[in-house]
Amino acid sequence: MVNPAVYTLPPGSIVDDAVRAAGGLSADADPVAINLAGPLADGMQIYVPARVEGAPTPPPVSAPVATADPGASRMGGVTIAGLIDINLATQADLEMLPGIGPTTAANIIAHREANGPFATIEAIMDVPGIGEGKFAAMKDLITVGP
């Protein structure tokens, strides 16, 4: 982003609103690496990776891709609806959630790998460091998929 900082935006804002508030994307930012239509949450950090010269950039998703569940098309661990699937999310995906930093994101992945996929979104509270407060801040932003 051109002017990274903390911004206050109105309720119902999306990632694109935050990017615009920060002066838009920098020249080396990879705009298809983030979901600009995703909903914002209080305390959310938006990370826009740089385009790496010579590295292929995935094409933007223009229509849902057929999956076992037609309504659950995904691009990484972020669903088309902008929810983060905690069973598929990468470290970077998880760090987009409010209150989740690198250590907690790594704990979520380690818990998932050791115990299998989360059956419900509430099961994320089994991860050390995630209590009812953190869960309340992220519950509307996460899913466990089909």
C-alpha atoms as a PDB file:
ATOM      1  CA  MET A   1       0.000   0.000   0.000  1.00  0.00           C
ATOM      2  CA  VAL A   2       1.173   3.513  -0.672  1.00  0.00           C
ATOM      3  CA  ASN A   3       0.530   4.820   2.883  1.00  0.00           C
ATOM      4  CA  PRO A   4       0.374   1.865   5.292  1.00  0.00           C
ATOM      5  CA  ALA A   5      -1.093   2.893   8.633  1.00  0.00           C
ATOM      6  CA  VAL A   6      -4.054   2.269  10.913  1.00  0.00           C
ATOM      7  CA  TYR A   7      -7.309   3.525   9.400  1.00  0.00           C
ATOM      8  CA  THR A   8     -10.812   3.802  10.827  1.00  0.00           C
ATOM      9  CA  LEU A   9     -13.482   2.840   8.315  1.00  0.00           C
ATOM     10  CA  PRO A  10     -17.278   2.686   8.599  1.00  0.00           C
ATOM     11  CA  PRO A  11     -19.045  -0.590   9.424  1.00  0.00           C
ATOM     12  CA  GLY A  12     -19.612  -2.742   6.352  1.00  0.00           C
ATOM     13  CA  SER A  13     -16.334  -1.689   4.726  1.00  0.00           C
ATOM     14  CA  ILE A  14     -14.411  -4.132   2.565  1.00  0.00           C
ATOM     15  CA  VAL A  15     -10.696  -4.665   1.921  1.00  0.00           C
ATOM     16  CA  ASP A  16     -10.851  -2.442  -1.156  1.00  0.00           C
ATOM     17  CA  ASP A  17     -12.038   0.465   1.024  1.00  0.00           C
ATOM     18  CA  ALA A  18      -8.987   0.029   3.277  1.00  0.00           C
ATOM     19  CA  VAL A  19      -6.640  -0.148   0.285  1.00  0.00           C
ATOM     20  CA  ARG A  20      -8.130   3.070  -1.105  1.00  0.00           C
ATOM     21  CA  ALA A  21      -7.843   4.768   2.315  1.00  0.00           C
ATOM     22  CA  ALA A  22      -4.146   3.834   2.291  1.00  0.00           C
ATOM     23  CA  GLY A  23      -3.649   5.545  -1.057  1.00  0.00           C
ATOM     24  CA  GLY A  24      -4.068   2.456  -3.206  1.00  0.00           C
ATOM     25  CA  LEU A  25      -1.666  -0.355  -3.976  1.00  0.00           C
ATOM     26  CA  SER A  26       2.030   0.312  -4.415  1.00  0.00           C
ATOM     27  CA  ALA A  27       3.574  -0.270  -7.842  1.00  0.00           C
ATOM     28  CA  ASP A  28       5.056  -3.633  -6.822  1.00  0.00           C
ATOM     29  CA  ALA A  29       1.918  -4.949  -5.057  1.00  0.00           C
ATOM     30  CA  ASP A  30       0.191  -8.049  -6.419  1.00  0.00           C
ATOM     31  CA  PRO A  31      -3.522  -7.083  -6.536  1.00  0.00           C
ATOM     32  CA  VAL A  32      -4.773 -10.607  -7.237  1.00  0.00           C
ATOM     33  CA  ALA A  33      -3.023 -11.995  -4.152  1.00  0.00           C
ATOM     34  CA  ILE A  34      -5.699 -10.530  -1.856  1.00  0.00           C
ATOM     35  CA  ASN A  35      -9.480 -10.578  -1.807  1.00  0.00           C
ATOM     36  CA  LEU A  36     -10.432  -6.940  -2.325  1.00  0.00           C
ATOM     37  CA  ALA A  37     -14.105  -7.796  -1.787  1.00  0.00           C
ATOM     38  CA  GLY A  38     -13.510  -9.408   1.619  1.00  0.00           C
ATOM     39  CA  PRO A  39     -15.248  -7.917   4.670  1.00  0.00           C
ATOM     40  CA  LEU A  40     -13.179  -5.992   7.214  1.00  0.00           C
ATOM     41  CA  ALA A  41     -13.148  -6.633  10.932  1.00  0.00           C
ATOM     42  CA  ASP A  42     -11.945  -4.468  13.796  1.00  0.00           C
ATOM     43  CA  GLY A  43      -8.209  -4.930  14.316  1.00  0.00           C
ATOM     44  CA  MET A  44      -7.694  -6.647  10.973  1.00  0.00           C
ATOM     45  CA  GLN A  45      -4.291  -6.377   9.295  1.00  0.00           C
ATOM     46  CA  ILE A  46      -4.169  -6.372   5.508  1.00  0.00           C
ATOM     47  CA  TYR A  47      -0.993  -7.687   3.942  1.00  0.00           C
ATOM     48  CA  VAL A  48      -0.492  -7.256   0.205  1.00  0.00           C
ATOM     49  CA  PRO A  49       2.478  -9.273  -1.064  1.00  0.00           C
ATOM     50  CA  ALA A  50       4.760  -7.876  -3.734  1.00  0.00           C
ATOM     51  CA  ARG A  51       4.750  -9.227  -7.246  1.00  0.00           C
ATOM     52  CA  VAL A  52       7.917 -11.264  -7.752  1.00  0.00           C
ATOM     53  CA  GLU A  53       9.458 -10.747 -11.160  1.00  0.00           C
ATOM     54  CA  GLY A  54       9.103 -13.885 -13.246  1.00  0.00           C
ATOM     55  CA  ALA A  55       6.724 -15.555 -10.795  1.00  0.00           C
ATOM     56  CA  PRO A  56       3.340 -16.429 -12.259  1.00  0.00           C
ATOM     57  CA  THR A  57       0.421 -14.502 -10.822  1.00  0.00           C
ATOM     58  CA  PRO A  58      -2.761 -16.527 -10.519  1.00  0.00           C
ATOM     59  CA  PRO A  59      -5.578 -15.244 -12.707  1.00  0.00           C
ATOM     60  CA  PRO A  60      -8.387 -13.402 -10.934  1.00  0.00           C
ATOM     61  CA  VAL A  61     -11.443 -15.493 -10.132  1.00  0.00           C
ATOM     62  CA  SER A  62     -14.349 -14.257 -12.210  1.00  0.00           C
ATOM     63  CA  ALA A  63     -16.812 -17.050 -11.532  1.00  0.00           C
ATOM     64  CA  PRO A  64     -17.033 -19.818  -8.961  1.00  0.00           C
ATOM     65  CA  VAL A  65     -15.121 -22.960  -9.856  1.00  0.00           C
ATOM     66  CA  ALA A  66     -16.949 -26.278  -9.548  1.00  0.00           C
ATOM     67  CA  THR A  67     -16.066 -28.214  -6.392  1.00  0.00           C
ATOM     68  CA  ALA A  68     -17.691 -30.977  -4.391  1.00  0.00           C
ATOM     69  CA  ASP A  69     -19.866 -28.214  -2.950  1.00  0.00           C
ATOM     70  CA  PRO A  70     -20.795 -25.781  -5.754  1.00  0.00           C
ATOM     71  CA  GLY A  71     -21.283 -22.958  -3.251  1.00  0.00           C
ATOM     72  CA  ALA A  72     -17.840 -23.396  -1.671  1.00  0.00           C
ATOM     73  CA  SER A  73     -15.380 -22.394  -4.375  1.00  0.00           C
ATOM     74  CA  ARG A  74     -12.034 -21.339  -2.942  1.00  0.00           C
ATOM     75  CA  MET A  75      -8.860 -19.513  -3.742  1.00  0.00           C
ATOM     76  CA  GLY A  76      -6.381 -20.842  -1.188  1.00  0.00           C
ATOM     77  CA  GLY A  77      -7.894 -20.743   2.291  1.00  0.00           C
ATOM     78  CA  VAL A  78     -10.133 -17.754   1.495  1.00  0.00           C
ATOM     79  CA  THR A  79     -13.551 -18.556   0.099  1.00  0.00           C
ATOM     80  CA  ILE A  80     -15.185 -16.580  -2.694  1.00  0.00           C
ATOM     81  CA  ALA A  81     -17.492 -15.160  -0.020  1.00  0.00           C
ATOM     82  CA  GLY A  82     -14.415 -13.752   1.732  1.00  0.00           C
ATOM     83  CA  LEU A  83     -14.483 -16.203   4.646  1.00  0.00           C
ATOM     84  CA  ILE A  84     -11.285 -17.904   5.740  1.00  0.00           C
ATOM     85  CA  ASP A  85     -11.548 -21.691   5.813  1.00  0.00           C
ATOM     86  CA  ILE A  86      -9.570 -22.583   8.918  1.00  0.00           C
ATOM     87  CA  ASN A  87      -9.055 -26.110   7.572  1.00  0.00           C
ATOM     88  CA  LEU A  88      -7.350 -24.863   4.373  1.00  0.00           C
ATOM     89  CA  ALA A  89      -5.918 -21.494   5.450  1.00  0.00           C
ATOM     90  CA  THR A  90      -2.244 -20.700   5.091  1.00  0.00           C
ATOM     91  CA  GLN A  91      -0.230 -18.836   7.708  1.00  0.00           C
ATOM     92  CA  ALA A  92      -0.835 -15.577   5.797  1.00  0.00           C
ATOM     93  CA  ASP A  93      -4.588 -16.280   5.515  1.00  0.00           C
ATOM     94  CA  LEU A  94      -4.860 -16.842   9.275  1.00  0.00           C
ATOM     95  CA  GLU A  95      -2.876 -13.705  10.089  1.00  0.00           C
ATOM     96  CA  MET A  96      -5.587 -11.662   8.334  1.00  0.00           C
ATOM     97  CA  LEU A  97      -7.946 -12.543  11.185  1.00  0.00           C
ATOM     98  CA  PRO A  98      -8.321 -10.058  14.057  1.00  0.00           C
ATOM     99  CA  GLY A  99      -6.067 -10.904  16.994  1.00  0.00           C
ATOM    100  CA  ILE A 100      -4.159 -13.614  15.111  1.00  0.00           C
ATOM    101  CA  GLY A 101      -0.441 -13.022  14.730  1.00  0.00           C
ATOM    102  CA  PRO A 102       2.320 -15.294  13.450  1.00  0.00           C
ATOM    103  CA  THR A 103       2.559 -17.422  16.617  1.00  0.00           C
ATOM    104  CA  THR A 104      -1.175 -18.060  16.946  1.00  0.00           C
ATOM    105  CA  ALA A 105      -1.478 -18.755  13.213  1.00  0.00           C
ATOM    106  CA  ALA A 106       1.323 -21.322  13.516  1.00  0.00           C
ATOM    107  CA  ASN A 107      -0.465 -22.843  16.539  1.00  0.00           C
ATOM    108  CA  ILE A 108      -3.688 -23.160  14.513  1.00  0.00           C
ATOM    109  CA  ILE A 109      -1.854 -24.954  11.699  1.00  0.00           C
ATOM    110  CA  ALA A 110       0.015 -27.219  14.147  1.00  0.00           C
ATOM    111  CA  HIS A 111      -3.237 -28.101  15.929  1.00  0.00           C
ATOM    112  CA  ARG A 112      -4.953 -28.836  12.612  1.00  0.00           C
ATOM    113  CA  GLU A 113      -2.057 -31.050  11.470  1.00  0.00           C
ATOM    114  CA  ALA A 114      -1.910 -32.923  14.784  1.00  0.00           C
ATOM    115  CA  ASN A 115      -5.664 -33.370  15.304  1.00  0.00           C
ATOM    116  CA  GLY A 116      -7.188 -33.273  11.840  1.00  0.00           C
ATOM    117  CA  PRO A 117      -9.598 -30.706  10.417  1.00  0.00           C
ATOM    118  CA  PHE A 118     -11.778 -28.581  12.645  1.00  0.00           C
ATOM    119  CA  ALA A 119     -15.341 -29.944  12.712  1.00  0.00           C
ATOM    120  CA  THR A 120     -16.897 -26.593  13.647  1.00  0.00           C
ATOM    121  CA  ILE A 121     -15.663 -23.011  13.791  1.00  0.00           C
ATOM    122  CA  GLU A 122     -16.001 -23.151  17.584  1.00  0.00           C
ATOM    123  CA  ALA A 123     -13.377 -25.926  17.665  1.00  0.00           C
ATOM    124  CA  ILE A 124     -10.709 -23.308  16.963  1.00  0.00           C
ATOM    125  CA  MET A 125     -11.003 -22.437  20.670  1.00  0.00           C
ATOM    126  CA  ASP A 126      -9.179 -25.734  21.350  1.00  0.00           C
ATOM    127  CA  VAL A 127      -6.022 -24.018  20.056  1.00  0.00           C
ATOM    128  CA  PRO A 128      -3.942 -22.556  22.903  1.00  0.00           C
ATOM    129  CA  GLY A 129      -4.245 -18.768  22.939  1.00  0.00           C
ATOM    130  CA  ILE A 130      -7.711 -18.629  21.385  1.00  0.00           C
ATOM    131  CA  GLY A 131     -10.447 -17.995  23.881  1.00  0.00           C
ATOM    132  CA  GLU A 132     -13.960 -16.689  23.649  1.00  0.00           C
ATOM    133  CA  GLY A 133     -12.806 -13.097  23.051  1.00  0.00           C
ATOM    134  CA  LYS A 134     -10.639 -13.891  20.034  1.00  0.00           C
ATOM    135  CA  PHE A 135     -13.266 -16.306  18.748  1.00  0.00           C
ATOM    136  CA  ALA A 136     -15.976 -13.630  19.018  1.00  0.00           C
ATOM    137  CA  ALA A 137     -13.819 -11.247  16.959  1.00  0.00           C
ATOM    138  CA  MET A 138     -13.272 -13.786  14.164  1.00  0.00           C
ATOM    139  CA  LYS A 139     -16.392 -15.980  14.133  1.00  0.00           C
ATOM    140  CA  ASP A 140     -18.070 -14.033  11.320  1.00  0.00           C
ATOM    141  CA  LEU A 141     -14.914 -14.253   9.191  1.00  0.00           C
ATOM    142  CA  ILE A 142     -14.199 -17.995   9.339  1.00  0.00           C
ATOM    143  CA  THR A 143     -15.665 -21.254   8.063  1.00  0.00           C
ATOM    144  CA  VAL A 144     -14.776 -24.943   8.124  1.00  0.00           C
ATOM    145  CA  GLY A 145     -15.929 -25.521   4.567  1.00  0.00           C
ATOM    146  CA  PRO A 146     -18.455 -28.038   3.343  1.00  0.00           C
END
